[in-house]
């Protein structure tokens, strides 16, 4: 495995992100700090004066000191099944109590595999040394025999604390309408026809590829499941001081014909865009340079539409039927924040 800077993983999704639906389901010990902290966003907070009845308050997973043989472990369910390409085992703020070594096993299962059943797991990250108080990113070797994983087991040797575990990878696209409607918001589901799925959702393999700016909020926030819980949970550009507009390109997880566009400005009150429009293109093999080319043959799906503060808009009758698309481009004028974009429609499975 090769140690790298984790900022190089911007083209991948953190499959172990709690915002994506990832959660910890079992661990050998979390006496000092709860295992559920592993999937929280950010790198963790630290208050030097915060203590409770078991000791120092730590924003991470921390086991007690092991006085016998063995090692500690934690089982996580990924937010979506996917192919893991890299890990970041972040020991932020764990300085005299970090584990010196770790490894990671994976499983694909419809049920939660036991953390003590080694036969249920495949080793995908061999034992590696960890630095204290640091991001510890590692790229995985390519193995075409590995499936899309659903669960991970983080092993630490022998004990200690880890602030966050990030599993950067590619979400497995759904293979049926039933799979494509996983984690579907009830309000949105009530607007959709039975044949439709959210083509752009991260959980269905959608991925934000490029944007004009993402100063206040990263690109893939736009297509996370659920509604944002605060203003930091969406995609937001800086204030534009000259002419022009902002934009973002999303590769659909499954190509399909857009039937509903949802534009959600939840929590954006004094900083939402004035208008938004959407274009599509059917170019599944196009490179990123092809897509950002000014002459690329994008087709209008939704005309410039007036937006409102802290508002959720579902648009069906306003859409132009352009047929199947592999990518969509959201344009906001002149700038601002959008918390969620949904592109719901009829999937075209054979176009993947």
Protein backbone atom coordinates (compact mmCIF):
# COMPACT_ATOMS: atom_id res chain seq x y z
CA UNK A 1 0.00 0.00 0.00
CA UNK A 2 1.16 3.54 -0.75
CA UNK A 3 0.77 6.42 1.66
CA UNK A 4 -0.68 9.51 -0.03
CA UNK A 5 -2.27 12.84 0.74
CA UNK A 6 -5.99 12.19 1.27
CA UNK A 7 -6.90 15.40 -0.56
CA UNK A 8 -6.18 13.45 -3.75
CA UNK A 9 -9.38 11.47 -3.21
CA UNK A 10 -11.75 14.22 -4.37
CA UNK A 11 -12.88 12.06 -7.31
CA UNK A 12 -14.13 9.36 -4.94
CA UNK A 13 -16.94 9.05 -2.39
CA UNK A 14 -16.35 8.35 1.28
CA UNK A 15 -18.43 5.18 1.62
CA UNK A 16 -17.96 5.26 5.41
CA UNK A 17 -19.57 8.69 5.77
CA UNK A 18 -22.41 8.88 8.27
CA UNK A 19 -24.07 11.47 6.03
CA UNK A 20 -24.28 8.76 3.38
CA UNK A 21 -25.88 6.37 5.87
CA UNK A 22 -22.78 4.56 7.13
CA UNK A 23 -22.89 3.40 10.73
CA UNK A 24 -20.93 1.34 13.23
CA UNK A 25 -22.77 -1.81 14.28
CA UNK A 26 -20.41 -3.65 16.64
CA UNK A 27 -17.00 -3.38 18.29
CA UNK A 28 -14.84 -5.28 20.74
CA UNK A 29 -14.61 -2.35 23.15
CA UNK A 30 -15.38 1.38 23.19
CA UNK A 31 -14.88 2.09 26.88
CA UNK A 32 -13.40 5.57 26.46
CA UNK A 33 -15.08 6.87 23.28
CA UNK A 34 -18.00 5.57 21.20
CA UNK A 35 -17.32 3.73 17.95
CA UNK A 36 -20.12 5.70 16.25
CA UNK A 37 -17.79 8.70 16.11
CA UNK A 38 -15.76 6.96 13.38
CA UNK A 39 -18.29 7.88 10.66
CA UNK A 40 -18.95 11.49 11.65
CA UNK A 41 -17.96 14.28 9.22
CA UNK A 42 -14.85 16.36 9.78
CA UNK A 43 -11.72 15.37 11.66
CA UNK A 44 -13.11 15.63 15.17
CA UNK A 45 -13.08 18.31 17.86
CA UNK A 46 -10.89 18.49 20.95
CA UNK A 47 -11.53 20.30 24.21
CA UNK A 48 -8.50 20.02 26.51
CA UNK A 49 -10.65 20.66 29.58
CA UNK A 50 -13.49 18.23 28.79
CA UNK A 51 -13.60 15.14 31.04
CA UNK A 52 -16.31 12.72 32.13
CA UNK A 53 -16.54 9.82 34.56
CA UNK A 54 -14.43 7.53 32.33
CA UNK A 55 -11.72 10.04 31.59
CA UNK A 56 -10.94 12.41 28.76
CA UNK A 57 -13.71 13.22 26.28
CA UNK A 58 -12.40 12.18 22.84
CA UNK A 59 -14.13 12.67 19.49
CA UNK A 60 -13.36 9.25 18.02
CA UNK A 61 -13.41 5.56 18.88
CA UNK A 62 -11.17 4.59 21.81
CA UNK A 63 -10.86 1.26 23.57
CA UNK A 64 -9.41 0.67 27.02
CA UNK A 65 -5.83 -0.50 27.53
CA UNK A 66 -5.55 -4.18 26.66
CA UNK A 67 -3.76 -6.23 29.32
CA UNK A 68 -3.87 -9.62 27.58
CA UNK A 69 -3.56 -11.16 24.12
CA UNK A 70 -5.61 -10.08 21.14
CA UNK A 71 -6.57 -6.78 19.53
CA UNK A 72 -9.60 -4.51 19.21
CA UNK A 73 -11.90 -4.20 16.22
CA UNK A 74 -14.95 -2.32 14.99
CA UNK A 75 -17.52 -3.36 12.32
CA UNK A 76 -19.04 -0.70 10.07
CA UNK A 77 -21.89 -0.88 7.57
CA UNK A 78 -21.11 1.30 4.56
CA UNK A 79 -23.58 3.94 3.45
CA UNK A 80 -23.74 2.25 0.04
CA UNK A 81 -22.17 -0.87 -1.41
CA UNK A 82 -19.05 0.09 -3.30
CA UNK A 83 -15.56 -0.64 -4.54
CA UNK A 84 -13.06 0.78 -2.04
CA UNK A 85 -9.99 2.39 -3.61
CA UNK A 86 -8.32 4.00 -0.60
CA UNK A 87 -8.55 4.42 3.16
CA UNK A 88 -7.77 7.19 5.59
CA UNK A 89 -7.34 6.04 9.19
CA UNK A 90 -7.32 9.39 10.96
CA UNK A 91 -5.83 9.52 14.47
CA UNK A 92 -6.46 13.25 14.90
CA UNK A 93 -6.00 14.32 18.56
CA UNK A 94 -4.95 10.79 19.58
CA UNK A 95 -1.32 11.37 20.53
CA UNK A 96 -0.30 9.15 23.46
CA UNK A 97 -3.16 6.73 22.92
CA UNK A 98 -3.29 5.94 19.20
CA UNK A 99 -2.88 2.34 17.95
CA UNK A 100 0.56 1.81 16.39
CA UNK A 101 -0.83 -0.56 13.73
CA UNK A 102 -4.12 -1.27 11.93
CA UNK A 103 -5.61 -3.46 9.21
CA UNK A 104 -8.99 -3.56 7.47
CA UNK A 105 -11.17 -6.47 6.37
CA UNK A 106 -14.25 -6.29 4.13
CA UNK A 107 -17.40 -8.33 3.50
CA UNK A 108 -20.39 -8.29 1.20
CA UNK A 109 -23.46 -9.40 3.08
CA UNK A 110 -27.18 -8.73 3.37
CA UNK A 111 -26.84 -9.15 7.12
CA UNK A 112 -24.29 -7.87 9.59
CA UNK A 113 -21.25 -10.20 9.63
CA UNK A 114 -19.88 -11.09 13.04
CA UNK A 115 -16.80 -9.21 14.11
CA UNK A 116 -15.37 -12.38 15.63
CA UNK A 117 -15.93 -14.66 12.63
CA UNK A 118 -12.72 -14.34 10.59
CA UNK A 119 -14.13 -16.61 7.87
CA UNK A 120 -16.71 -13.93 7.00
CA UNK A 121 -14.04 -11.38 6.11
CA UNK A 122 -11.52 -10.68 3.33
CA UNK A 123 -8.34 -8.80 4.21
CA UNK A 124 -8.08 -5.78 1.88
CA UNK A 125 -5.61 -3.64 3.84
CA UNK A 126 -2.70 -5.50 5.37
CA UNK A 127 -1.27 -4.43 8.70
CA UNK A 128 0.08 -0.89 8.34
CA UNK A 129 1.78 1.48 10.79
CA UNK A 130 -0.16 4.53 11.97
CA UNK A 131 1.15 7.94 12.88
CA UNK A 132 -0.29 9.72 15.94
CA UNK A 133 -2.47 12.79 15.49
CA UNK A 134 -2.46 12.42 11.70
CA UNK A 135 -4.37 11.38 8.63
CA UNK A 136 -3.05 7.97 7.58
CA UNK A 137 -4.20 7.47 3.96
CA UNK A 138 -3.45 4.35 1.91
CA UNK A 139 -4.26 3.39 -1.68
CA UNK A 140 -5.44 -0.19 -2.17
CA UNK A 141 -4.05 -2.52 -4.82
CA UNK A 142 -6.45 -3.19 -7.67
CA UNK A 143 -8.10 -6.60 -7.45
CA UNK A 144 -10.80 -7.30 -10.08
CA UNK A 145 -12.03 -10.31 -8.11
CA UNK A 146 -13.22 -8.16 -5.22
CA UNK A 147 -16.96 -7.41 -5.17
CA UNK A 148 -18.59 -4.19 -4.08
CA UNK A 149 -18.28 -4.34 -0.29
CA UNK A 150 -21.09 -3.62 2.17
CA UNK A 151 -19.22 -3.90 5.50
CA UNK A 152 -15.77 -3.16 6.89
CA UNK A 153 -13.93 -4.37 9.98
CA UNK A 154 -11.26 -2.00 11.30
CA UNK A 155 -8.65 -3.86 13.37
CA UNK A 156 -6.31 -1.94 15.67
CA UNK A 157 -3.23 -3.44 17.32
CA UNK A 158 -3.44 -3.83 20.20
CA UNK A 159 -5.80 -1.03 21.35
CA UNK A 160 -6.19 2.75 21.39
CA UNK A 161 -8.07 5.50 19.61
CA UNK A 162 -8.97 6.40 16.02
CA UNK A 163 -10.84 9.62 15.27
CA UNK A 164 -12.31 8.80 11.85
CA UNK A 165 -12.26 6.05 9.25
CA UNK A 166 -12.78 7.09 5.63
CA UNK A 167 -13.27 4.52 2.88
CA UNK A 168 -12.90 6.33 -0.44
CA UNK A 169 -14.39 4.49 -3.38
CA UNK A 170 -16.96 4.12 -6.12
CA UNK A 171 -20.60 3.37 -5.31
CA UNK A 172 -22.08 0.33 -7.02
CA UNK A 173 -24.89 1.41 -9.35
CA UNK A 174 -28.29 -0.19 -8.73
CA UNK A 175 -29.34 -3.12 -10.90
CA UNK A 176 -33.09 -2.68 -10.55
CA UNK A 177 -35.73 -0.09 -9.76
CA UNK A 178 -36.12 -1.63 -6.30
CA UNK A 179 -32.42 -1.15 -5.55
CA UNK A 180 -32.52 2.33 -7.04
CA UNK A 181 -35.18 3.45 -4.57
CA UNK A 182 -33.07 2.69 -1.48
CA UNK A 183 -32.82 5.55 1.03
CA UNK A 184 -35.49 7.45 -0.89
CA UNK A 185 -36.93 10.46 0.90
CA UNK A 186 -40.64 9.94 1.64
CA UNK A 187 -41.67 13.36 0.34
CA UNK A 188 -39.78 12.84 -2.90
CA UNK A 189 -41.07 9.27 -3.24
CA UNK A 190 -44.64 10.57 -3.09
CA UNK A 191 -43.92 12.72 -6.17
CA UNK A 192 -42.39 9.89 -8.20
CA UNK A 193 -43.91 7.21 -10.38
CA UNK A 194 -43.13 3.57 -9.54
CA UNK A 195 -40.73 3.24 -12.50
CA UNK A 196 -38.61 6.24 -11.48
CA UNK A 197 -35.45 6.44 -9.38
CA UNK A 198 -33.16 9.28 -8.36
CA UNK A 199 -30.63 8.96 -11.18
CA UNK A 200 -28.20 11.43 -9.58
CA UNK A 201 -28.11 10.15 -5.99
CA UNK A 202 -24.73 9.28 -4.53
CA UNK A 203 -26.29 6.07 -3.22
CA UNK A 204 -27.14 5.13 -6.83
CA UNK A 205 -23.62 5.83 -8.11
CA UNK A 206 -24.02 9.52 -8.93
CA UNK A 207 -20.88 11.65 -8.72
CA UNK A 208 -20.19 15.36 -8.98
CA UNK A 209 -17.33 15.68 -11.47
CA UNK A 210 -16.51 19.37 -11.69
CA UNK A 211 -17.83 22.79 -10.78
CA UNK A 212 -16.98 26.45 -11.22
CA UNK A 213 -16.50 26.92 -7.48
CA UNK A 214 -17.16 25.11 -4.19
CA UNK A 215 -15.64 27.50 -1.68
CA UNK A 216 -18.26 27.08 1.08
CA UNK A 217 -19.55 23.56 0.41
CA UNK A 218 -18.11 20.52 -1.43
CA UNK A 219 -19.64 19.29 -4.67
CA UNK A 220 -20.99 15.91 -3.60
CA UNK A 221 -23.04 17.42 -0.76
CA UNK A 222 -25.50 18.29 -3.52
CA UNK A 223 -26.48 14.65 -4.12
CA UNK A 224 -26.27 13.14 -0.62
CA UNK A 225 -29.33 11.32 0.75
CA UNK A 226 -31.87 13.16 2.87
CA UNK A 227 -32.10 16.90 3.39
CA UNK A 228 -29.20 18.97 4.67
CA UNK A 229 -29.19 19.57 8.42
CA UNK A 230 -27.58 23.01 8.22
CA UNK A 231 -26.18 25.50 5.73
CA UNK A 232 -22.87 23.64 5.61
CA UNK A 233 -24.56 20.54 4.24
CA UNK A 234 -25.03 21.77 0.66
CA UNK A 235 -23.01 23.05 -2.29
CA UNK A 236 -22.24 26.76 -2.06
CA UNK A 237 -20.06 29.06 -4.16
CA UNK A 238 -18.35 32.25 -3.06
CA UNK A 239 -19.85 35.67 -3.85
CA UNK A 240 -19.40 36.56 -7.52
CA UNK A 241 -18.12 40.11 -7.94
CA UNK A 242 -18.19 40.23 -11.73
CA UNK A 243 -20.20 38.88 -14.65
CA UNK A 244 -20.87 35.19 -15.19
CA UNK A 245 -22.54 32.34 -13.34
CA UNK A 246 -21.68 29.19 -11.41
CA UNK A 247 -22.24 25.58 -12.46
CA UNK A 248 -21.74 21.97 -11.47
CA UNK A 249 -21.64 18.78 -13.56
CA UNK A 250 -23.02 15.53 -12.13
CA UNK A 251 -22.50 12.10 -13.69
CA UNK A 252 -25.69 10.10 -13.21
CA UNK A 253 -25.31 6.74 -11.49
CA UNK A 254 -27.58 5.22 -14.11
CA UNK A 255 -28.35 6.98 -17.41
CA UNK A 256 -32.00 7.80 -17.79
CA UNK A 257 -34.67 10.25 -18.89
CA UNK A 258 -35.22 13.05 -16.33
CA UNK A 259 -38.87 13.35 -15.26
CA UNK A 260 -38.60 15.35 -12.01
CA UNK A 261 -35.99 17.90 -10.97
CA UNK A 262 -35.85 18.78 -7.28
CA UNK A 263 -34.10 22.01 -6.30
CA UNK A 264 -33.74 22.40 -2.53
CA UNK A 265 -32.31 25.57 -0.95
CA UNK A 266 -32.78 24.29 2.62
CA UNK A 267 -31.02 26.67 5.09
CA UNK A 268 -29.87 29.00 2.29
CA UNK A 269 -31.75 32.20 3.18
CA UNK A 270 -29.60 35.21 2.27
CA UNK A 271 -27.31 33.33 -0.08
CA UNK A 272 -29.48 31.22 -2.41
CA UNK A 273 -29.12 31.67 -6.20
CA UNK A 274 -31.51 33.99 -8.00
CA UNK A 275 -32.28 31.40 -10.69
CA UNK A 276 -31.26 27.88 -11.68
CA UNK A 277 -31.43 25.90 -14.91
CA UNK A 278 -30.50 22.33 -15.86
CA UNK A 279 -29.02 20.86 -19.02
CA UNK A 280 -28.36 17.22 -19.93
CA UNK A 281 -26.19 15.22 -22.28
CA UNK A 282 -26.00 11.58 -23.31
CA UNK A 283 -22.27 10.97 -23.47
CA UNK A 284 -21.41 8.07 -21.12
CA UNK A 285 -17.87 7.74 -22.48
CA UNK A 286 -17.07 11.47 -22.54
CA UNK A 287 -14.00 12.69 -20.70
CA UNK A 288 -14.22 15.54 -18.24
CA UNK A 289 -12.50 17.81 -20.77
CA UNK A 290 -15.20 16.91 -23.29
CA UNK A 291 -17.92 17.82 -20.82
CA UNK A 292 -16.52 21.22 -19.85
CA UNK A 293 -15.82 22.16 -23.47
CA UNK A 294 -17.91 25.27 -24.34
CA UNK A 295 -18.99 23.52 -27.54
CA UNK A 296 -20.21 20.33 -25.84
CA UNK A 297 -23.75 19.49 -27.05
CA UNK A 298 -25.66 20.05 -23.81
CA UNK A 299 -29.46 20.16 -24.17
CA UNK A 300 -31.80 22.25 -22.03
CA UNK A 301 -33.95 20.24 -19.61
CA UNK A 302 -35.16 23.09 -17.38
CA UNK A 303 -35.28 26.79 -18.24
CA UNK A 304 -33.98 29.37 -15.79
CA UNK A 305 -36.28 29.04 -12.79
CA UNK A 306 -36.65 31.57 -9.99
CA UNK A 307 -35.56 30.19 -6.62
CA UNK A 308 -36.59 31.18 -3.11
CA UNK A 309 -34.95 31.12 0.30
CA UNK A 310 -35.07 27.92 2.38
CA UNK A 311 -37.38 26.33 -0.18
CA UNK A 312 -37.98 22.90 -1.70
CA UNK A 313 -39.18 22.80 -5.30
CA UNK A 314 -40.33 19.76 -7.34
CA UNK A 315 -40.54 20.39 -11.09
CA UNK A 316 -42.14 17.93 -13.50
CA UNK A 317 -44.37 19.78 -15.95
CA UNK A 318 -41.65 22.38 -16.50
CA UNK A 319 -39.16 19.84 -17.89
CA UNK A 320 -38.37 19.31 -21.57
CA UNK A 321 -38.30 15.64 -22.60
CA UNK A 322 -34.77 15.31 -23.97
CA UNK A 323 -34.56 11.53 -23.74
CA UNK A 324 -31.86 9.63 -21.83
CA UNK A 325 -28.95 11.55 -20.25
CA UNK A 326 -25.72 10.32 -18.74
CA UNK A 327 -24.80 13.67 -17.16
CA UNK A 328 -26.58 16.81 -16.01
CA UNK A 329 -25.28 20.33 -15.52
CA UNK A 330 -26.86 22.62 -12.95
CA UNK A 331 -26.36 26.33 -13.64
CA UNK A 332 -27.00 28.89 -10.88
CA UNK A 333 -27.18 32.61 -11.55
CA UNK A 334 -25.22 34.41 -10.43
CA UNK A 335 -23.91 32.39 -7.44
CA UNK A 336 -24.98 30.99 -4.08
CA UNK A 337 -25.96 27.76 -2.39
CA UNK A 338 -28.17 24.78 -3.23
CA UNK A 339 -28.50 22.03 -0.65
CA UNK A 340 -29.82 19.21 -2.86
CA UNK A 341 -30.34 18.39 -6.53
CA UNK A 342 -32.49 15.39 -7.43
CA UNK A 343 -32.82 14.13 -10.98
CA UNK A 344 -35.55 11.52 -10.90
CA UNK A 345 -36.52 9.58 -13.98
CA UNK A 346 -36.74 6.35 -15.88
CA UNK A 347 -33.42 4.47 -15.89
CA UNK A 348 -31.93 2.98 -19.05
CA UNK A 349 -30.05 -0.02 -17.66
CA UNK A 350 -28.41 -1.13 -20.92
CA UNK A 351 -26.73 2.28 -21.34
CA UNK A 352 -24.41 1.86 -18.37
